[in-house]
Amino acid sequence: MKTKIFLLLFAVLFIFSGCTSTSLVGSWIDPEVKSIEGKSIAIFCLTPRLDIRDKVETQMSEMFQAKGVNAMRSMDFITPGKMEKEVIELILKQNNITAVIIVSLLDKEKETYYVPGTTYAPTYYGRPYYGYYGSVYTNVYDPGYYQTTTSYFIECNAYRLSDERLVYSAQSKAVDPTSVDKFAYEFSKTIVNDLSKRGVMGGE
C-alpha cells in the first residue's frame, strides 16, 4: 500500500514539475495590417530591474534570431532612464529597425486559498483483528494549510515604425515564477511562438 502511495505521489510531482507557470491569456492583431514590415525589430522590456530586462530581452532576441528575424536588445543602445523620442528614433533608423516590441508589467495579484488536509488509514492484511482495529482507530491525519500565490500579468505590444501603428498586443500570466531565468524563457517562448503562429513577423 505504501509503495503504491509513493508511486502515485511521484507521478503527481513529475507531472507538475513539467508544467509551465507562464501562459498566454489572449492576443490580438490588427486585421488591416496583420504583419510588420521587414524583419528587423528592437525589444524593449520596461522594468526598473536590470536583471529582468537583461534576461527577457536576451531570450526574446535569441528566439527571434533562431526564426530568421534580426532582433536587437534595447539595453544595447538605450541607457537606464527615459530618453527623448527623437534620440531613440535616430538610433532605430541607424540600425534599420522596422518594428519595436514593448514588454511591460500590467498588474500583480496575490491569492490565498485553503488546501484541505487528508486522512490515511494504513491497512494491515494478515494481521490480528486488533492490529487492524488499532490502525483504523489511529488514522494518520495531515492537517490542511493556507497557500498564497502571486500572479503577474504582462503586456506585450508590437508596433510598426513606418506609421507607429499597433500591430499586435498580448497579455500573459506568470504564476509564482521560481526564477528570472525560468520566467524569461517561458514568457519569451510563449510570445515568440504566438507571433510566429499568427504571422505577425511576415512568415518565416
N, C-alpha and C. Protein backbone atom coordinates (compact mmCIF):
# COMPACT_ATOMS: atom_id res chain seq x y z
N MET A 1 0.82 -1.20 0.00
CA MET A 1 0.00 0.00 0.00
C MET A 1 0.86 1.26 0.00
N LYS A 2 1.87 1.29 0.89
CA LYS A 2 2.76 2.45 0.96
C LYS A 2 3.51 2.64 -0.34
N THR A 3 3.87 1.51 -0.96
CA THR A 3 4.58 1.60 -2.25
C THR A 3 3.73 2.25 -3.31
N LYS A 4 2.43 1.89 -3.33
CA LYS A 4 1.51 2.46 -4.31
C LYS A 4 1.34 3.96 -4.09
N ILE A 5 1.21 4.34 -2.79
CA ILE A 5 1.05 5.76 -2.49
C ILE A 5 2.29 6.54 -2.90
N PHE A 6 3.47 5.99 -2.64
CA PHE A 6 4.72 6.65 -3.01
C PHE A 6 4.82 6.84 -4.52
N LEU A 7 4.44 5.79 -5.27
CA LEU A 7 4.49 5.88 -6.74
C LEU A 7 3.49 6.91 -7.25
N LEU A 8 2.30 6.98 -6.59
CA LEU A 8 1.30 7.95 -7.02
C LEU A 8 1.79 9.37 -6.78
N LEU A 9 2.37 9.62 -5.60
CA LEU A 9 2.91 10.94 -5.29
C LEU A 9 4.03 11.32 -6.24
N PHE A 10 4.88 10.36 -6.58
CA PHE A 10 5.99 10.61 -7.51
C PHE A 10 5.46 11.00 -8.87
N ALA A 11 4.41 10.29 -9.31
CA ALA A 11 3.83 10.58 -10.63
C ALA A 11 3.24 11.99 -10.66
N VAL A 12 2.54 12.37 -9.57
CA VAL A 12 1.94 13.71 -9.50
C VAL A 12 3.02 14.78 -9.52
N LEU A 13 4.08 14.59 -8.74
CA LEU A 13 5.19 15.55 -8.71
C LEU A 13 5.86 15.66 -10.07
N PHE A 14 6.00 14.54 -10.76
CA PHE A 14 6.63 14.54 -12.08
C PHE A 14 5.81 15.33 -13.08
N ILE A 15 4.47 15.14 -13.01
CA ILE A 15 3.59 15.84 -13.94
C ILE A 15 3.66 17.34 -13.72
N PHE A 16 3.55 17.76 -12.44
CA PHE A 16 3.53 19.18 -12.14
C PHE A 16 4.89 19.83 -12.32
N SER A 17 5.96 19.08 -12.18
CA SER A 17 7.29 19.67 -12.36
C SER A 17 7.52 20.05 -13.81
N GLY A 18 6.77 19.43 -14.75
CA GLY A 18 6.94 19.75 -16.16
C GLY A 18 6.01 20.83 -16.65
N CYS A 19 5.11 21.32 -15.74
CA CYS A 19 4.15 22.33 -16.13
C CYS A 19 4.79 23.70 -16.16
N THR A 20 4.33 24.53 -17.08
CA THR A 20 4.84 25.88 -17.16
C THR A 20 4.04 26.81 -16.26
N SER A 21 4.68 27.83 -15.71
CA SER A 21 3.99 28.78 -14.85
C SER A 21 3.56 30.02 -15.61
N THR A 22 3.91 30.11 -16.89
CA THR A 22 3.56 31.26 -17.72
C THR A 22 2.64 30.82 -18.85
N SER A 23 1.54 31.53 -19.02
CA SER A 23 0.58 31.17 -20.06
C SER A 23 0.06 32.42 -20.76
N LEU A 24 -0.42 32.22 -21.97
CA LEU A 24 -0.97 33.32 -22.77
C LEU A 24 -2.44 33.49 -22.42
N VAL A 25 -2.81 34.67 -21.93
CA VAL A 25 -4.20 34.94 -21.58
C VAL A 25 -5.00 35.25 -22.85
N GLY A 26 -4.41 36.01 -23.74
CA GLY A 26 -5.07 36.34 -25.00
C GLY A 26 -4.20 37.24 -25.85
N SER A 27 -4.48 37.29 -27.16
CA SER A 27 -3.70 38.15 -28.05
C SER A 27 -4.60 38.69 -29.16
N TRP A 28 -4.15 39.80 -29.75
CA TRP A 28 -4.92 40.49 -30.78
C TRP A 28 -3.97 40.96 -31.87
N ILE A 29 -4.44 40.94 -33.12
CA ILE A 29 -3.68 41.51 -34.23
C ILE A 29 -4.59 42.46 -35.00
N ASP A 30 -3.99 43.49 -35.56
CA ASP A 30 -4.73 44.43 -36.39
C ASP A 30 -5.13 43.73 -37.67
N PRO A 31 -6.43 43.54 -37.92
CA PRO A 31 -6.86 42.80 -39.13
C PRO A 31 -6.50 43.49 -40.43
N GLU A 32 -6.25 44.81 -40.37
CA GLU A 32 -5.91 45.53 -41.59
C GLU A 32 -4.42 45.48 -41.89
N VAL A 33 -3.61 45.25 -40.86
CA VAL A 33 -2.16 45.23 -41.05
C VAL A 33 -1.63 43.81 -41.03
N LYS A 34 -1.97 43.06 -39.99
CA LYS A 34 -1.63 41.65 -39.81
C LYS A 34 -0.15 41.39 -39.54
N SER A 35 0.74 42.04 -40.27
CA SER A 35 2.16 41.77 -40.04
C SER A 35 2.97 43.07 -40.12
N ILE A 36 4.16 43.03 -39.53
CA ILE A 36 5.05 44.19 -39.57
C ILE A 36 5.81 44.20 -40.88
N GLU A 37 6.44 45.32 -41.16
CA GLU A 37 7.23 45.43 -42.39
C GLU A 37 8.67 45.05 -42.11
N GLY A 38 9.21 44.20 -42.93
CA GLY A 38 10.60 43.80 -42.76
C GLY A 38 10.79 42.82 -41.62
N LYS A 39 12.03 42.49 -41.36
CA LYS A 39 12.34 41.54 -40.30
C LYS A 39 13.48 42.04 -39.43
N SER A 40 13.30 43.23 -38.92
CA SER A 40 14.31 43.79 -38.04
C SER A 40 13.60 44.55 -36.92
N ILE A 41 13.73 44.05 -35.68
CA ILE A 41 12.97 44.62 -34.58
C ILE A 41 13.87 44.97 -33.39
N ALA A 42 13.36 45.85 -32.54
CA ALA A 42 14.03 46.19 -31.29
C ALA A 42 13.11 45.81 -30.15
N ILE A 43 13.67 45.22 -29.11
CA ILE A 43 12.87 44.73 -27.98
C ILE A 43 13.11 45.62 -26.76
N PHE A 44 12.04 46.14 -26.21
CA PHE A 44 12.10 46.99 -25.02
C PHE A 44 11.35 46.29 -23.88
N CYS A 45 12.04 45.99 -22.80
CA CYS A 45 11.41 45.46 -21.60
C CYS A 45 11.44 46.56 -20.55
N LEU A 46 10.29 47.15 -20.26
CA LEU A 46 10.20 48.30 -19.37
C LEU A 46 10.08 47.86 -17.92
N THR A 47 11.19 47.85 -17.21
CA THR A 47 11.23 47.49 -15.80
C THR A 47 12.46 48.11 -15.16
N PRO A 48 12.33 48.54 -13.90
CA PRO A 48 13.50 49.11 -13.23
C PRO A 48 14.53 48.05 -12.84
N ARG A 49 14.13 46.78 -12.90
CA ARG A 49 15.07 45.70 -12.56
C ARG A 49 15.88 45.30 -13.78
N LEU A 50 17.16 45.64 -13.76
CA LEU A 50 18.02 45.38 -14.91
C LEU A 50 18.21 43.90 -15.18
N ASP A 51 18.14 43.04 -14.12
CA ASP A 51 18.32 41.61 -14.34
C ASP A 51 17.16 41.03 -15.15
N ILE A 52 15.93 41.51 -14.86
CA ILE A 52 14.77 41.04 -15.62
C ILE A 52 14.83 41.58 -17.05
N ARG A 53 15.17 42.85 -17.19
CA ARG A 53 15.29 43.45 -18.52
C ARG A 53 16.31 42.70 -19.37
N ASP A 54 17.44 42.39 -18.77
CA ASP A 54 18.51 41.68 -19.48
C ASP A 54 18.03 40.30 -19.93
N LYS A 55 17.46 39.52 -19.02
CA LYS A 55 17.06 38.15 -19.33
C LYS A 55 15.95 38.09 -20.37
N VAL A 56 14.92 38.95 -20.22
CA VAL A 56 13.79 38.93 -21.15
C VAL A 56 14.22 39.38 -22.55
N GLU A 57 14.94 40.49 -22.63
CA GLU A 57 15.37 40.98 -23.95
C GLU A 57 16.34 40.01 -24.61
N THR A 58 17.19 39.38 -23.83
CA THR A 58 18.15 38.42 -24.39
C THR A 58 17.44 37.18 -24.91
N GLN A 59 16.52 36.63 -24.10
CA GLN A 59 15.81 35.43 -24.51
C GLN A 59 14.97 35.68 -25.75
N MET A 60 14.25 36.80 -25.77
CA MET A 60 13.40 37.09 -26.93
C MET A 60 14.24 37.32 -28.18
N SER A 61 15.34 38.05 -28.06
CA SER A 61 16.17 38.32 -29.23
C SER A 61 16.76 37.03 -29.79
N GLU A 62 17.19 36.13 -28.90
CA GLU A 62 17.76 34.85 -29.35
C GLU A 62 16.71 33.99 -30.05
N MET A 63 15.49 33.98 -29.51
CA MET A 63 14.43 33.19 -30.13
C MET A 63 14.01 33.76 -31.47
N PHE A 64 14.01 35.10 -31.59
CA PHE A 64 13.70 35.72 -32.88
C PHE A 64 14.81 35.41 -33.89
N GLN A 65 16.05 35.51 -33.45
CA GLN A 65 17.18 35.22 -34.34
C GLN A 65 17.08 33.80 -34.88
N ALA A 66 16.64 32.86 -34.02
CA ALA A 66 16.51 31.46 -34.45
C ALA A 66 15.45 31.30 -35.53
N LYS A 67 14.52 32.27 -35.62
CA LYS A 67 13.47 32.22 -36.64
C LYS A 67 13.80 33.13 -37.83
N GLY A 68 15.05 33.59 -37.89
CA GLY A 68 15.47 34.40 -39.02
C GLY A 68 15.10 35.86 -38.93
N VAL A 69 14.76 36.32 -37.71
CA VAL A 69 14.40 37.72 -37.51
C VAL A 69 15.54 38.44 -36.82
N ASN A 70 16.00 39.54 -37.40
CA ASN A 70 17.06 40.33 -36.79
C ASN A 70 16.48 41.10 -35.60
N ALA A 71 16.92 40.77 -34.39
CA ALA A 71 16.38 41.39 -33.18
C ALA A 71 17.48 42.03 -32.35
N MET A 72 17.21 43.25 -31.87
CA MET A 72 18.15 43.98 -31.03
C MET A 72 17.57 44.18 -29.63
N ARG A 73 18.42 44.12 -28.63
CA ARG A 73 18.00 44.42 -27.27
C ARG A 73 18.08 45.93 -27.06
N SER A 74 17.06 46.52 -26.48
CA SER A 74 17.09 47.96 -26.24
C SER A 74 18.22 48.34 -25.29
N MET A 75 18.58 47.43 -24.37
CA MET A 75 19.61 47.75 -23.40
C MET A 75 20.99 47.87 -24.04
N ASP A 76 21.10 47.47 -25.31
CA ASP A 76 22.37 47.63 -26.01
C ASP A 76 22.57 49.05 -26.54
N PHE A 77 21.47 49.82 -26.61
CA PHE A 77 21.63 51.19 -27.11
C PHE A 77 20.81 52.22 -26.32
N ILE A 78 19.99 51.75 -25.37
CA ILE A 78 19.21 52.67 -24.54
C ILE A 78 19.74 52.61 -23.12
N THR A 79 20.21 53.73 -22.61
CA THR A 79 20.73 53.77 -21.24
C THR A 79 19.58 53.76 -20.24
N PRO A 80 19.83 53.29 -19.00
CA PRO A 80 18.78 53.31 -17.97
C PRO A 80 18.19 54.70 -17.82
N GLY A 81 16.87 54.75 -17.67
CA GLY A 81 16.20 56.04 -17.60
C GLY A 81 15.52 56.37 -18.92
N LYS A 82 14.70 57.38 -18.93
CA LYS A 82 13.94 57.75 -20.12
C LYS A 82 14.77 58.59 -21.07
N MET A 83 14.71 58.24 -22.38
CA MET A 83 15.41 59.00 -23.41
C MET A 83 14.38 59.72 -24.27
N GLU A 84 14.78 60.82 -24.89
CA GLU A 84 13.89 61.57 -25.76
C GLU A 84 13.53 60.74 -26.99
N LYS A 85 12.30 60.92 -27.49
CA LYS A 85 11.81 60.16 -28.62
C LYS A 85 12.69 60.35 -29.85
N GLU A 86 13.14 61.58 -30.08
CA GLU A 86 13.95 61.86 -31.27
C GLU A 86 15.27 61.08 -31.25
N VAL A 87 15.85 60.96 -30.06
CA VAL A 87 17.11 60.22 -29.93
C VAL A 87 16.90 58.74 -30.22
N ILE A 88 15.82 58.18 -29.67
CA ILE A 88 15.51 56.76 -29.89
C ILE A 88 15.23 56.51 -31.37
N GLU A 89 14.45 57.39 -31.99
CA GLU A 89 14.12 57.22 -33.41
C GLU A 89 15.37 57.25 -34.27
N LEU A 90 16.32 58.12 -33.94
CA LEU A 90 17.56 58.21 -34.70
C LEU A 90 18.36 56.91 -34.59
N ILE A 91 18.44 56.36 -33.38
CA ILE A 91 19.16 55.10 -33.17
C ILE A 91 18.50 53.96 -33.92
N LEU A 92 17.17 53.90 -33.87
CA LEU A 92 16.43 52.84 -34.57
C LEU A 92 16.63 52.94 -36.09
N LYS A 93 16.61 54.17 -36.59
CA LYS A 93 16.80 54.38 -38.03
C LYS A 93 18.20 53.98 -38.47
N GLN A 94 19.20 54.32 -37.65
CA GLN A 94 20.58 53.97 -37.97
C GLN A 94 20.79 52.45 -38.02
N ASN A 95 19.97 51.72 -37.27
CA ASN A 95 20.09 50.25 -37.24
C ASN A 95 19.05 49.56 -38.11
N ASN A 96 18.36 50.33 -38.96
CA ASN A 96 17.37 49.79 -39.90
C ASN A 96 16.27 48.99 -39.21
N ILE A 97 15.87 49.45 -38.03
CA ILE A 97 14.79 48.80 -37.29
C ILE A 97 13.45 49.19 -37.90
N THR A 98 12.60 48.21 -38.15
CA THR A 98 11.29 48.47 -38.77
C THR A 98 10.13 48.29 -37.80
N ALA A 99 10.40 47.71 -36.63
CA ALA A 99 9.32 47.48 -35.66
C ALA A 99 9.92 47.40 -34.26
N VAL A 100 9.09 47.70 -33.27
CA VAL A 100 9.52 47.59 -31.88
C VAL A 100 8.53 46.73 -31.11
N ILE A 101 9.05 45.99 -30.15
CA ILE A 101 8.22 45.20 -29.25
C ILE A 101 8.46 45.73 -27.84
N ILE A 102 7.37 46.09 -27.16
CA ILE A 102 7.46 46.65 -25.81
C ILE A 102 6.78 45.72 -24.82
N VAL A 103 7.54 45.32 -23.81
CA VAL A 103 7.04 44.42 -22.77
C VAL A 103 6.93 45.21 -21.46
N SER A 104 5.79 45.10 -20.79
CA SER A 104 5.60 45.83 -19.53
C SER A 104 4.68 45.05 -18.60
N LEU A 105 4.85 45.29 -17.30
CA LEU A 105 4.02 44.64 -16.28
C LEU A 105 2.72 45.43 -16.14
N LEU A 106 1.58 44.74 -16.31
CA LEU A 106 0.28 45.39 -16.20
C LEU A 106 -0.23 45.40 -14.76
N ASP A 107 -0.15 44.23 -14.10
CA ASP A 107 -0.73 44.11 -12.78
C ASP A 107 -0.09 42.97 -12.01
N LYS A 108 -0.29 42.99 -10.70
CA LYS A 108 0.23 41.94 -9.83
C LYS A 108 -0.85 41.61 -8.81
N GLU A 109 -1.19 40.32 -8.69
CA GLU A 109 -2.26 39.91 -7.79
C GLU A 109 -1.79 38.79 -6.87
N LYS A 110 -2.27 38.85 -5.63
CA LYS A 110 -1.99 37.78 -4.68
C LYS A 110 -3.30 37.09 -4.32
N GLU A 111 -3.27 35.77 -4.25
CA GLU A 111 -4.46 34.99 -3.93
C GLU A 111 -4.12 33.95 -2.87
N THR A 112 -4.92 33.92 -1.82
CA THR A 112 -4.72 32.95 -0.74
C THR A 112 -5.86 31.95 -0.75
N TYR A 113 -5.53 30.68 -0.73
CA TYR A 113 -6.57 29.65 -0.70
C TYR A 113 -6.18 28.54 0.27
N TYR A 114 -7.20 27.80 0.67
CA TYR A 114 -7.01 26.75 1.67
C TYR A 114 -6.84 25.40 1.01
N VAL A 115 -5.77 24.70 1.38
CA VAL A 115 -5.53 23.34 0.90
C VAL A 115 -6.00 22.39 2.00
N PRO A 116 -7.09 21.64 1.80
CA PRO A 116 -7.64 20.79 2.85
C PRO A 116 -6.69 19.66 3.24
N GLY A 117 -6.82 19.23 4.49
CA GLY A 117 -6.00 18.12 4.98
C GLY A 117 -6.49 16.79 4.44
N THR A 118 -5.71 15.75 4.65
CA THR A 118 -6.06 14.41 4.19
C THR A 118 -5.93 13.43 5.33
N THR A 119 -6.72 12.36 5.25
CA THR A 119 -6.68 11.31 6.26
C THR A 119 -6.34 9.99 5.59
N TYR A 120 -5.39 9.27 6.16
CA TYR A 120 -4.97 7.99 5.59
C TYR A 120 -4.93 6.94 6.68
N ALA A 121 -5.65 5.85 6.45
CA ALA A 121 -5.67 4.76 7.42
C ALA A 121 -4.92 3.57 6.83
N PRO A 122 -3.74 3.25 7.33
CA PRO A 122 -2.98 2.11 6.81
C PRO A 122 -3.71 0.80 7.05
N THR A 123 -3.70 -0.08 6.06
CA THR A 123 -4.39 -1.37 6.16
C THR A 123 -3.40 -2.48 6.45
N TYR A 124 -3.74 -3.33 7.41
CA TYR A 124 -2.86 -4.42 7.80
C TYR A 124 -3.53 -5.74 7.44
N TYR A 125 -3.22 -6.28 6.30
CA TYR A 125 -3.77 -7.56 5.89
C TYR A 125 -2.96 -8.67 6.53
N GLY A 126 -3.66 -9.73 6.93
CA GLY A 126 -2.97 -10.89 7.50
C GLY A 126 -2.52 -10.67 8.93
N ARG A 127 -3.03 -9.60 9.57
CA ARG A 127 -2.69 -9.32 10.96
C ARG A 127 -3.87 -9.64 11.86
N PRO A 128 -3.67 -9.79 13.15
CA PRO A 128 -4.78 -10.00 14.08
C PRO A 128 -5.75 -8.84 14.02
N TYR A 129 -7.00 -9.12 14.47
CA TYR A 129 -8.05 -8.11 14.35
C TYR A 129 -7.71 -6.82 15.08
N TYR A 130 -7.00 -6.94 16.21
CA TYR A 130 -6.74 -5.74 16.98
C TYR A 130 -5.72 -4.84 16.26
N GLY A 131 -4.83 -5.46 15.50
CA GLY A 131 -3.88 -4.65 14.73
C GLY A 131 -4.60 -3.81 13.71
N TYR A 132 -5.62 -4.43 13.06
CA TYR A 132 -6.40 -3.69 12.09
C TYR A 132 -7.24 -2.62 12.77
N TYR A 133 -7.85 -3.00 13.90
CA TYR A 133 -8.69 -2.07 14.65
C TYR A 133 -7.88 -0.87 15.10
N GLY A 134 -6.70 -1.15 15.62
CA GLY A 134 -5.86 -0.06 16.11
C GLY A 134 -5.40 0.86 15.00
N SER A 135 -5.10 0.29 13.82
CA SER A 135 -4.62 1.12 12.71
C SER A 135 -5.69 2.04 12.19
N VAL A 136 -6.94 1.56 12.12
CA VAL A 136 -8.05 2.38 11.64
C VAL A 136 -8.43 3.42 12.69
N TYR A 137 -8.34 3.05 13.95
CA TYR A 137 -8.71 3.95 15.03
C TYR A 137 -7.76 5.15 15.10
N THR A 138 -6.50 4.85 14.87
CA THR A 138 -5.49 5.93 14.91
C THR A 138 -5.10 6.31 13.49
N ASN A 139 -6.05 6.90 12.78
CA ASN A 139 -5.79 7.33 11.41
C ASN A 139 -4.67 8.37 11.38
N VAL A 140 -3.91 8.33 10.31
CA VAL A 140 -2.86 9.32 10.10
C VAL A 140 -3.50 10.54 9.45
N TYR A 141 -3.40 11.68 10.11
CA TYR A 141 -4.06 12.88 9.61
C TYR A 141 -3.02 13.95 9.26
N ASP A 142 -3.13 14.45 8.02
CA ASP A 142 -2.26 15.52 7.55
C ASP A 142 -3.08 16.81 7.52
N PRO A 143 -2.85 17.74 8.43
CA PRO A 143 -3.68 18.94 8.52
C PRO A 143 -3.59 19.83 7.28
N GLY A 144 -4.66 20.58 7.05
CA GLY A 144 -4.67 21.49 5.92
C GLY A 144 -3.85 22.73 6.21
N TYR A 145 -3.70 23.57 5.17
CA TYR A 145 -2.89 24.78 5.33
C TYR A 145 -3.31 25.81 4.29
N TYR A 146 -2.92 27.04 4.54
CA TYR A 146 -3.20 28.12 3.59
C TYR A 146 -1.98 28.36 2.71
N GLN A 147 -2.25 28.62 1.44
CA GLN A 147 -1.16 28.86 0.49
C GLN A 147 -1.45 30.12 -0.31
N THR A 148 -0.43 30.91 -0.52
CA THR A 148 -0.58 32.16 -1.26
C THR A 148 0.19 32.09 -2.58
N THR A 149 -0.48 32.46 -3.67
CA THR A 149 0.17 32.51 -4.98
C THR A 149 0.18 33.95 -5.47
N THR A 150 1.20 34.29 -6.21
CA THR A 150 1.32 35.62 -6.78
C THR A 150 1.31 35.52 -8.30
N SER A 151 0.39 36.24 -8.92
CA SER A 151 0.25 36.23 -10.38
C SER A 151 0.68 37.57 -10.95
N TYR A 152 1.47 37.51 -12.01
CA TYR A 152 1.94 38.71 -12.70
C TYR A 152 1.32 38.73 -14.10
N PHE A 153 0.71 39.85 -14.46
CA PHE A 153 0.10 40.00 -15.78
C PHE A 153 0.98 40.91 -16.62
N ILE A 154 1.48 40.37 -17.72
CA ILE A 154 2.44 41.10 -18.56
C ILE A 154 1.83 41.39 -19.93
N GLU A 155 2.03 42.61 -20.40
CA GLU A 155 1.55 43.00 -21.72
C GLU A 155 2.71 43.10 -22.69
N CYS A 156 2.47 42.67 -23.92
CA CYS A 156 3.47 42.76 -24.98
C CYS A 156 2.83 43.37 -26.21
N ASN A 157 3.34 44.51 -26.66
CA ASN A 157 2.81 45.20 -27.83
C ASN A 157 3.87 45.29 -28.92
N ALA A 158 3.44 45.10 -30.16
CA ALA A 158 4.34 45.22 -31.31
C ALA A 158 3.84 46.37 -32.20
N TYR A 159 4.76 47.29 -32.50
CA TYR A 159 4.42 48.46 -33.31
C TYR A 159 5.21 48.48 -34.62
N ARG A 160 4.56 48.89 -35.69
CA ARG A 160 5.22 49.11 -36.97
C ARG A 160 5.72 50.55 -36.98
N LEU A 161 7.00 50.75 -37.26
CA LEU A 161 7.58 52.08 -37.14
C LEU A 161 7.22 53.04 -38.27
N SER A 162 6.89 52.50 -39.43
CA SER A 162 6.61 53.38 -40.58
C SER A 162 5.46 54.33 -40.29
N ASP A 163 4.46 53.88 -39.53
CA ASP A 163 3.33 54.74 -39.17
C ASP A 163 3.01 54.65 -37.67
N GLU A 164 3.91 54.01 -36.89
CA GLU A 164 3.76 53.87 -35.45
C GLU A 164 2.44 53.19 -35.08
N ARG A 165 2.03 52.27 -35.89
CA ARG A 165 0.74 51.60 -35.69
C ARG A 165 0.90 50.34 -34.84
N LEU A 166 -0.04 50.14 -33.92
CA LEU A 166 -0.05 48.92 -33.11
C LEU A 166 -0.51 47.76 -33.98
N VAL A 167 0.32 46.75 -34.11
CA VAL A 167 0.02 45.60 -34.97
C VAL A 167 -0.42 44.39 -34.15
N TYR A 168 0.15 44.26 -32.96
CA TYR A 168 -0.09 43.06 -32.15
C TYR A 168 -0.07 43.43 -30.67
N SER A 169 -0.96 42.81 -29.90
CA SER A 169 -0.97 43.01 -28.46
C SER A 169 -1.34 41.70 -27.78
N ALA A 170 -0.64 41.38 -26.70
CA ALA A 170 -0.90 40.13 -25.99
C ALA A 170 -0.75 40.33 -24.50
N GLN A 171 -1.51 39.55 -23.75
CA GLN A 171 -1.39 39.55 -22.30
C GLN A 171 -1.04 38.13 -21.84
N SER A 172 -0.04 38.05 -20.97
CA SER A 172 0.39 36.77 -20.43
C SER A 172 0.28 36.81 -18.91
N LYS A 173 0.19 35.61 -18.33
CA LYS A 173 0.09 35.48 -16.88
C LYS A 173 1.18 34.55 -16.38
N ALA A 174 1.96 35.03 -15.42
CA ALA A 174 3.00 34.21 -14.80
C ALA A 174 2.65 34.01 -13.33
N VAL A 175 2.55 32.74 -12.93
CA VAL A 175 2.17 32.42 -11.55
C VAL A 175 3.38 31.91 -10.78
N ASP A 176 3.73 32.61 -9.72
CA ASP A 176 4.84 32.24 -8.84
C ASP A 176 6.08 31.79 -9.62
N PRO A 177 6.62 32.63 -10.49
CA PRO A 177 7.84 32.23 -11.21
C PRO A 177 8.97 31.92 -10.23
N THR A 178 9.62 30.79 -10.43
CA THR A 178 10.64 30.34 -9.48
C THR A 178 11.97 31.05 -9.66
N SER A 179 12.21 31.61 -10.85
CA SER A 179 13.46 32.32 -11.09
C SER A 179 13.29 33.25 -12.28
N VAL A 180 14.17 34.23 -12.39
CA VAL A 180 14.14 35.17 -13.51
C VAL A 180 14.43 34.43 -14.81
N ASP A 181 15.39 33.51 -14.77
CA ASP A 181 15.75 32.74 -15.97
C ASP A 181 14.56 31.95 -16.49
N LYS A 182 13.85 31.26 -15.60
CA LYS A 182 12.72 30.43 -15.99
C LYS A 182 11.59 31.29 -16.55
N PHE A 183 11.31 32.41 -15.87
CA PHE A 183 10.26 33.31 -16.34
C PHE A 183 10.59 33.86 -17.73
N ALA A 184 11.83 34.35 -17.90
CA ALA A 184 12.24 34.94 -19.17
C ALA A 184 12.11 33.94 -20.31
N TYR A 185 12.51 32.70 -20.06
CA TYR A 185 12.44 31.66 -21.10
C TYR A 185 10.99 31.35 -21.46
N GLU A 186 10.15 31.10 -20.43
CA GLU A 186 8.77 30.72 -20.68
C GLU A 186 7.98 31.85 -21.33
N PHE A 187 8.19 33.07 -20.85
CA PHE A 187 7.47 34.21 -21.41
C PHE A 187 7.87 34.44 -22.86
N SER A 188 9.17 34.45 -23.12
CA SER A 188 9.67 34.68 -24.48
C SER A 188 9.18 33.61 -25.44
N LYS A 189 9.22 32.37 -25.01
CA LYS A 189 8.75 31.26 -25.86
C LYS A 189 7.27 31.41 -26.17
N THR A 190 6.48 31.79 -25.17
CA THR A 190 5.04 31.97 -25.36
C THR A 190 4.74 33.06 -26.38
N ILE A 191 5.41 34.21 -26.25
CA ILE A 191 5.15 35.34 -27.14
C ILE A 191 5.67 35.10 -28.55
N VAL A 192 6.90 34.64 -28.65
CA VAL A 192 7.50 34.42 -29.98
C VAL A 192 6.72 33.37 -30.76
N ASN A 193 6.30 32.31 -30.09
CA ASN A 193 5.51 31.27 -30.77
C ASN A 193 4.16 31.82 -31.24
N ASP A 194 3.54 32.68 -30.42
CA ASP A 194 2.24 33.24 -30.81
C ASP A 194 2.41 34.22 -31.98
N LEU A 195 3.44 35.03 -31.93
CA LEU A 195 3.72 35.95 -33.04
C LEU A 195 3.95 35.20 -34.34
N SER A 196 4.71 34.11 -34.24
CA SER A 196 5.01 33.31 -35.42
C SER A 196 3.74 32.63 -35.95
N LYS A 197 2.94 32.07 -35.03
CA LYS A 197 1.74 31.36 -35.43
C LYS A 197 0.72 32.30 -36.11
N ARG A 198 0.66 33.52 -35.63
CA ARG A 198 -0.28 34.50 -36.18
C ARG A 198 0.25 35.20 -37.44
N GLY A 199 1.51 34.94 -37.76
CA GLY A 199 2.09 35.52 -38.96
C GLY A 199 2.45 36.98 -38.84
N VAL A 200 2.56 37.48 -37.61
CA VAL A 200 2.87 38.89 -37.40
C VAL A 200 4.24 39.26 -37.93
N MET A 201 5.17 38.29 -37.89
CA MET A 201 6.52 38.56 -38.38
C MET A 201 6.64 38.44 -39.89
N GLY A 202 5.51 38.20 -40.55
CA GLY A 202 5.51 38.14 -42.01
C GLY A 202 5.93 36.78 -42.54
N GLY A 203 5.83 35.73 -41.69
CA GLY A 203 6.23 34.39 -42.12
C GLY A 203 7.69 34.16 -41.89
N GLU A 204 8.10 32.87 -41.83
CA GLU A 204 9.49 32.50 -41.56
C GLU A 204 10.24 32.31 -42.86
